[in-house]
Amino acid sequence: MITLDASKLQEVEQRLGEYRKKAPVVLYRAINRAADNLKSNAAKEVRNSYIIKASEVKSTFSISRATSKRIAASVTSRGNALGLEKFKVSPKQPRPERPPKSLKVQVRKDTGIKGLLSAFVASVQGNRVFERDASHSRRQKRNDGQWTELPIKRLFGPPIPIMLENKGVRSALEEEAKKVFEKRLDHEIKRVLEGN
């Protein structure tokens, strides 16, 4: 998200004067600090728009760090669609003895809570949200003697990378990363000029 060209390298070399050979080190340190900030800031920005835990956002990131030989860093988020239970769901626990009229779900903060009539929470490798497929529904007896309607399908919300592509989230992250980079660049240049 942060791009550097030869003009920035030349600018840093000019600012360093007699220490111009340290320009690549100054640049890669500033870039890496901006990349670290981008990762931690992403969780905050995503959570401004979506109801999701910060740990869910951070777990999707990997950073390819800059070095003095390769003055570029990349911050990548990879992940699949998240189960709907990762967002705001009520009730959170299975309630087969007194099922709710509808499952209440909210994914984004700017939209209200939505009721899903055919959705329910079941304990399958943890509590997960499912929906009955009414168009192909058939009753089937379970091992415990109870009847159930099948088939069912798991419900999902958007993946973290899609949330990051939200225009407001992405522009805020890029703007903050640029500020951190410029601030850190000034700090690193000052360190070299002061002999630290």
C-alpha atoms as a PDB file:
ATOM      1  CA  MET A   1       0.000   0.000   0.000  1.00  0.00           C
ATOM      2  CA  ILE A   2       2.992   2.287   0.468  1.00  0.00           C
ATOM      3  CA  THR A   3       4.961   2.868  -2.699  1.00  0.00           C
ATOM      4  CA  LEU A   4       8.437   4.367  -2.961  1.00  0.00           C
ATOM      5  CA  ASP A   5      10.232   5.505  -6.049  1.00  0.00           C
ATOM      6  CA  ALA A   6      13.732   6.708  -6.857  1.00  0.00           C
ATOM      7  CA  SER A   7      12.775  10.317  -6.088  1.00  0.00           C
ATOM      8  CA  LYS A   8      12.137   9.424  -2.424  1.00  0.00           C
ATOM      9  CA  LEU A   9      15.514   7.669  -2.221  1.00  0.00           C
ATOM     10  CA  GLN A  10      17.203  10.743  -3.712  1.00  0.00           C
ATOM     11  CA  GLU A  11      15.359  13.000  -1.264  1.00  0.00           C
ATOM     12  CA  VAL A  12      16.570  10.916   1.710  1.00  0.00           C
ATOM     13  CA  GLU A  13      20.142  10.867   0.340  1.00  0.00           C
ATOM     14  CA  GLN A  14      20.091  14.675   0.073  1.00  0.00           C
ATOM     15  CA  ARG A  15      18.771  15.024   3.628  1.00  0.00           C
ATOM     16  CA  LEU A  16      21.470  12.682   4.951  1.00  0.00           C
ATOM     17  CA  GLY A  17      24.276  14.615   3.208  1.00  0.00           C
ATOM     18  CA  GLU A  18      27.623  12.960   4.006  1.00  0.00           C
ATOM     19  CA  TYR A  19      25.754   9.936   5.417  1.00  0.00           C
ATOM     20  CA  ARG A  20      23.898   9.344   2.133  1.00  0.00           C
ATOM     21  CA  LYS A  21      24.994   5.674   2.014  1.00  0.00           C
ATOM     22  CA  LYS A  22      22.736   5.028   5.006  1.00  0.00           C
ATOM     23  CA  ALA A  23      19.635   5.976   2.967  1.00  0.00           C
ATOM     24  CA  PRO A  24      18.549   2.343   2.279  1.00  0.00           C
ATOM     25  CA  VAL A  25      18.762   1.491   6.006  1.00  0.00           C
ATOM     26  CA  VAL A  26      16.778   4.598   6.955  1.00  0.00           C
ATOM     27  CA  LEU A  27      14.130   3.787   4.370  1.00  0.00           C
ATOM     28  CA  TYR A  28      13.687   0.107   5.209  1.00  0.00           C
ATOM     29  CA  ARG A  29      13.368   0.864   8.931  1.00  0.00           C
ATOM     30  CA  ALA A  30      10.690   3.490   8.275  1.00  0.00           C
ATOM     31  CA  ILE A  31       8.839   1.184   5.862  1.00  0.00           C
ATOM     32  CA  ASN A  32       8.851  -1.713   8.340  1.00  0.00           C
ATOM     33  CA  ARG A  33       7.506   0.507  11.119  1.00  0.00           C
ATOM     34  CA  ALA A  34       4.686   1.648   8.808  1.00  0.00           C
ATOM     35  CA  ALA A  35       3.942  -1.982   7.870  1.00  0.00           C
ATOM     36  CA  ASP A  36       3.720  -3.007  11.554  1.00  0.00           C
ATOM     37  CA  ASN A  37       1.400  -0.080  12.222  1.00  0.00           C
ATOM     38  CA  LEU A  38      -0.777  -1.034   9.274  1.00  0.00           C
ATOM     39  CA  LYS A  39      -1.328  -4.516  10.692  1.00  0.00           C
ATOM     40  CA  SER A  40      -2.282  -3.270  14.174  1.00  0.00           C
ATOM     41  CA  ASN A  41      -4.339  -0.356  12.839  1.00  0.00           C
ATOM     42  CA  ALA A  42      -6.296  -2.655  10.488  1.00  0.00           C
ATOM     43  CA  ALA A  43      -8.083  -4.345  13.389  1.00  0.00           C
ATOM     44  CA  LYS A  44      -9.229  -0.965  14.714  1.00  0.00           C
ATOM     45  CA  GLU A  45     -10.422   0.296  11.313  1.00  0.00           C
ATOM     46  CA  VAL A  46     -12.301  -2.908  10.450  1.00  0.00           C
ATOM     47  CA  ARG A  47     -13.994  -2.877  13.862  1.00  0.00           C
ATOM     48  CA  ASN A  48     -15.218   0.681  13.204  1.00  0.00           C
ATOM     49  CA  SER A  49     -17.445  -0.788  10.471  1.00  0.00           C
ATOM     50  CA  TYR A  50     -17.907  -4.481  11.348  1.00  0.00           C
ATOM     51  CA  ILE A  51     -18.813  -6.343  14.541  1.00  0.00           C
ATOM     52  CA  ILE A  52     -15.800  -8.659  14.698  1.00  0.00           C
ATOM     53  CA  LYS A  53     -13.034  -9.441  17.222  1.00  0.00           C
ATOM     54  CA  ALA A  54      -9.636  -7.797  16.695  1.00  0.00           C
ATOM     55  CA  SER A  55      -7.937 -11.209  16.964  1.00  0.00           C
ATOM     56  CA  GLU A  56      -9.942 -12.455  13.947  1.00  0.00           C
ATOM     57  CA  VAL A  57      -8.608  -9.550  11.853  1.00  0.00           C
ATOM     58  CA  LYS A  58      -4.978  -9.781  13.012  1.00  0.00           C
ATOM     59  CA  SER A  59      -4.789 -13.534  12.441  1.00  0.00           C
ATOM     60  CA  THR A  60      -5.218 -13.071   8.653  1.00  0.00           C
ATOM     61  CA  PHE A  61      -2.126 -10.868   8.206  1.00  0.00           C
ATOM     62  CA  SER A  62       1.381 -11.629   7.055  1.00  0.00           C
ATOM     63  CA  ILE A  63       4.152  -9.085   6.515  1.00  0.00           C
ATOM     64  CA  SER A  64       6.957  -9.372   3.995  1.00  0.00           C
ATOM     65  CA  ARG A  65       9.474  -6.997   5.535  1.00  0.00           C
ATOM     66  CA  ALA A  66      11.790  -4.547   3.804  1.00  0.00           C
ATOM     67  CA  THR A  67      15.586  -4.941   3.928  1.00  0.00           C
ATOM     68  CA  SER A  68      18.457  -2.692   2.896  1.00  0.00           C
ATOM     69  CA  LYS A  69      18.658  -4.702  -0.348  1.00  0.00           C
ATOM     70  CA  ARG A  70      14.896  -4.721  -1.013  1.00  0.00           C
ATOM     71  CA  ILE A  71      13.366  -1.404   0.006  1.00  0.00           C
ATOM     72  CA  ALA A  72       9.736  -2.505  -0.057  1.00  0.00           C
ATOM     73  CA  ALA A  73       7.358  -4.246   2.306  1.00  0.00           C
ATOM     74  CA  SER A  74       4.015  -5.865   1.692  1.00  0.00           C
ATOM     75  CA  VAL A  75       1.213  -6.397   4.163  1.00  0.00           C
ATOM     76  CA  THR A  76      -1.194  -9.121   3.056  1.00  0.00           C
ATOM     77  CA  SER A  77      -4.478 -10.334   4.490  1.00  0.00           C
ATOM     78  CA  ARG A  78      -5.687 -13.805   3.483  1.00  0.00           C
ATOM     79  CA  GLY A  79      -8.782 -15.553   4.698  1.00  0.00           C
ATOM     80  CA  ASN A  80     -12.000 -17.287   3.765  1.00  0.00           C
ATOM     81  CA  ALA A  81     -15.549 -16.315   4.596  1.00  0.00           C
ATOM     82  CA  LEU A  82     -16.146 -16.261   8.354  1.00  0.00           C
ATOM     83  CA  GLY A  83     -18.893 -18.278   9.982  1.00  0.00           C
ATOM     84  CA  LEU A  84     -21.801 -16.027  10.945  1.00  0.00           C
ATOM     85  CA  GLU A  85     -21.212 -16.956  14.599  1.00  0.00           C
ATOM     86  CA  LYS A  86     -18.038 -14.798  14.499  1.00  0.00           C
ATOM     87  CA  PHE A  87     -20.284 -11.714  14.338  1.00  0.00           C
ATOM     88  CA  LYS A  88     -23.136 -10.603  16.624  1.00  0.00           C
ATOM     89  CA  VAL A  89     -25.636 -13.449  16.982  1.00  0.00           C
ATOM     90  CA  SER A  90     -28.488 -13.891  19.453  1.00  0.00           C
ATOM     91  CA  PRO A  91     -28.951 -16.392  20.942  1.00  0.00           C
ATOM     92  CA  LYS A  92     -25.314 -17.575  20.865  1.00  0.00           C
ATOM     93  CA  GLN A  93     -26.076 -21.022  22.309  1.00  0.00           C
ATOM     94  CA  PRO A  94     -28.276 -23.791  20.842  1.00  0.00           C
ATOM     95  CA  ARG A  95     -31.808 -23.709  22.296  1.00  0.00           C
ATOM     96  CA  PRO A  96     -33.626 -26.785  20.913  1.00  0.00           C
ATOM     97  CA  GLU A  97     -36.070 -26.904  23.841  1.00  0.00           C
ATOM     98  CA  ARG A  98     -37.274 -23.312  23.259  1.00  0.00           C
ATOM     99  CA  PRO A  99     -36.078 -22.141  19.830  1.00  0.00           C
ATOM    100  CA  PRO A 100     -36.361 -18.411  19.095  1.00  0.00           C
ATOM    101  CA  LYS A 101     -38.819 -17.198  16.460  1.00  0.00           C
ATOM    102  CA  SER A 102     -35.847 -15.899  14.514  1.00  0.00           C
ATOM    103  CA  LEU A 103     -32.095 -15.772  14.990  1.00  0.00           C
ATOM    104  CA  LYS A 104     -30.886 -12.168  15.399  1.00  0.00           C
ATOM    105  CA  VAL A 105     -27.714 -11.353  13.437  1.00  0.00           C
ATOM    106  CA  GLN A 106     -25.660  -8.195  12.863  1.00  0.00           C
ATOM    107  CA  VAL A 107     -22.489  -8.065  10.726  1.00  0.00           C
ATOM    108  CA  ARG A 108     -22.010  -4.333  10.045  1.00  0.00           C
ATOM    109  CA  LYS A 109     -22.362  -1.506  12.535  1.00  0.00           C
ATOM    110  CA  ASP A 110     -24.179   0.746  10.054  1.00  0.00           C
ATOM    111  CA  THR A 111     -26.995  -1.769   9.530  1.00  0.00           C
ATOM    112  CA  GLY A 112     -29.539  -2.887  12.078  1.00  0.00           C
ATOM    113  CA  ILE A 113     -29.990  -6.323  13.574  1.00  0.00           C
ATOM    114  CA  LYS A 114     -31.538  -8.712  11.078  1.00  0.00           C
ATOM    115  CA  GLY A 115     -33.839 -11.606  11.958  1.00  0.00           C
ATOM    116  CA  LEU A 116     -33.260 -14.888  10.113  1.00  0.00           C
ATOM    117  CA  LEU A 117     -36.394 -17.055  10.397  1.00  0.00           C
ATOM    118  CA  SER A 118     -34.916 -20.358   9.217  1.00  0.00           C
ATOM    119  CA  ALA A 119     -31.488 -19.986  10.907  1.00  0.00           C
ATOM    120  CA  PHE A 120     -30.423 -21.624  14.162  1.00  0.00           C
ATOM    121  CA  VAL A 121     -27.337 -22.266  16.289  1.00  0.00           C
ATOM    122  CA  ALA A 122     -26.134 -25.854  16.616  1.00  0.00           C
ATOM    123  CA  SER A 123     -23.171 -27.358  18.430  1.00  0.00           C
ATOM    124  CA  VAL A 124     -21.085 -28.825  15.593  1.00  0.00           C
ATOM    125  CA  GLN A 125     -17.344 -28.444  16.309  1.00  0.00           C
ATOM    126  CA  GLY A 126     -18.345 -25.471  18.481  1.00  0.00           C
ATOM    127  CA  ASN A 127     -21.458 -23.343  18.190  1.00  0.00           C
ATOM    128  CA  ARG A 128     -22.160 -22.519  14.545  1.00  0.00           C
ATOM    129  CA  VAL A 129     -25.000 -20.903  12.614  1.00  0.00           C
ATOM    130  CA  PHE A 130     -26.975 -23.029  10.154  1.00  0.00           C
ATOM    131  CA  GLU A 131     -30.058 -22.673   7.987  1.00  0.00           C
ATOM    132  CA  ARG A 132     -32.527 -25.281   6.789  1.00  0.00           C
ATOM    133  CA  ASP A 133     -32.939 -25.541   3.035  1.00  0.00           C
ATOM    134  CA  ALA A 134     -36.744 -25.321   2.833  1.00  0.00           C
ATOM    135  CA  SER A 135     -36.836 -26.128  -0.906  1.00  0.00           C
ATOM    136  CA  HIS A 136     -35.350 -29.618  -0.363  1.00  0.00           C
ATOM    137  CA  SER A 137     -36.497 -30.273   3.209  1.00  0.00           C
ATOM    138  CA  ARG A 138     -37.065 -33.831   4.415  1.00  0.00           C
ATOM    139  CA  ARG A 139     -37.560 -35.232   7.896  1.00  0.00           C
ATOM    140  CA  GLN A 140     -35.031 -37.705   9.208  1.00  0.00           C
ATOM    141  CA  LYS A 141     -34.706 -39.538  12.525  1.00  0.00           C
ATOM    142  CA  ARG A 142     -31.472 -38.911  14.438  1.00  0.00           C
ATOM    143  CA  ASN A 143     -29.516 -41.450  16.523  1.00  0.00           C
ATOM    144  CA  ASP A 144     -31.084 -40.051  19.711  1.00  0.00           C
ATOM    145  CA  GLY A 145     -34.592 -40.770  18.389  1.00  0.00           C
ATOM    146  CA  GLN A 146     -35.448 -37.114  17.679  1.00  0.00           C
ATOM    147  CA  TRP A 147     -36.635 -35.961  14.274  1.00  0.00           C
ATOM    148  CA  THR A 148     -34.800 -33.315  12.301  1.00  0.00           C
ATOM    149  CA  GLU A 149     -35.246 -31.595   8.949  1.00  0.00           C
ATOM    150  CA  LEU A 150     -32.430 -31.894   6.428  1.00  0.00           C
ATOM    151  CA  PRO A 151     -30.513 -30.639   4.525  1.00  0.00           C
ATOM    152  CA  ILE A 152     -28.949 -27.770   6.438  1.00  0.00           C
ATOM    153  CA  LYS A 153     -26.167 -25.404   5.366  1.00  0.00           C
ATOM    154  CA  ARG A 154     -23.764 -23.287   7.376  1.00  0.00           C
ATOM    155  CA  LEU A 155     -24.136 -19.505   7.075  1.00  0.00           C
ATOM    156  CA  PHE A 156     -21.180 -17.190   6.521  1.00  0.00           C
ATOM    157  CA  GLY A 157     -20.295 -13.509   6.680  1.00  0.00           C
ATOM    158  CA  PRO A 158     -17.664 -11.716   4.577  1.00  0.00           C
ATOM    159  CA  PRO A 159     -13.951 -12.620   4.759  1.00  0.00           C
ATOM    160  CA  ILE A 160     -11.539 -10.164   6.428  1.00  0.00           C
ATOM    161  CA  PRO A 161      -9.817  -9.264   3.081  1.00  0.00           C
ATOM    162  CA  ILE A 162     -13.197  -8.116   1.709  1.00  0.00           C
ATOM    163  CA  MET A 163     -13.763  -5.981   4.831  1.00  0.00           C
ATOM    164  CA  LEU A 164     -10.350  -4.386   4.262  1.00  0.00           C
ATOM    165  CA  GLU A 165     -11.329  -3.527   0.686  1.00  0.00           C
ATOM    166  CA  ASN A 166     -14.219  -1.431   2.023  1.00  0.00           C
ATOM    167  CA  LYS A 167     -13.432   2.017   0.596  1.00  0.00           C
ATOM    168  CA  GLY A 168     -13.525   3.833   3.938  1.00  0.00           C
ATOM    169  CA  VAL A 169     -11.412   1.217   5.715  1.00  0.00           C
ATOM    170  CA  ARG A 170      -8.765   1.010   2.985  1.00  0.00           C
ATOM    171  CA  SER A 171      -8.338   4.773   2.545  1.00  0.00           C
ATOM    172  CA  ALA A 172      -8.052   5.288   6.334  1.00  0.00           C
ATOM    173  CA  LEU A 173      -5.379   2.568   6.553  1.00  0.00           C
ATOM    174  CA  GLU A 174      -3.364   3.965   3.645  1.00  0.00           C
ATOM    175  CA  GLU A 175      -3.529   7.503   5.049  1.00  0.00           C
ATOM    176  CA  GLU A 176      -2.374   6.407   8.506  1.00  0.00           C
ATOM    177  CA  ALA A 177       0.434   4.239   7.062  1.00  0.00           C
ATOM    178  CA  LYS A 178       1.749   7.220   5.056  1.00  0.00           C
ATOM    179  CA  LYS A 179       1.736   9.412   8.187  1.00  0.00           C
ATOM    180  CA  VAL A 180       3.601   6.769  10.211  1.00  0.00           C
ATOM    181  CA  PHE A 181       6.113   6.291   7.391  1.00  0.00           C
ATOM    182  CA  GLU A 182       6.889  10.031   7.083  1.00  0.00           C
ATOM    183  CA  LYS A 183       7.122  10.466  10.868  1.00  0.00           C
ATOM    184  CA  ARG A 184       9.400   7.446  11.219  1.00  0.00           C
ATOM    185  CA  LEU A 185      11.513   8.563   8.253  1.00  0.00           C
ATOM    186  CA  ASP A 186      12.175  11.905   9.974  1.00  0.00           C
ATOM    187  CA  HIS A 187      13.084  10.047  13.179  1.00  0.00           C
ATOM    188  CA  GLU A 188      15.497   7.665  11.415  1.00  0.00           C
ATOM    189  CA  ILE A 189      17.210  10.513   9.519  1.00  0.00           C
ATOM    190  CA  LYS A 190      17.600  12.438  12.773  1.00  0.00           C
ATOM    191  CA  ARG A 191      19.159   9.371  14.440  1.00  0.00           C
ATOM    192  CA  VAL A 192      21.783   9.061  11.683  1.00  0.00           C
ATOM    193  CA  LEU A 193      22.599  12.793  11.651  1.00  0.00           C
ATOM    194  CA  GLU A 194      22.979  12.841  15.437  1.00  0.00           C
ATOM    195  CA  GLY A 195      25.284   9.823  15.263  1.00  0.00           C
ATOM    196  CA  ASN A 196      23.021   7.296  17.058  1.00  0.00           C
END
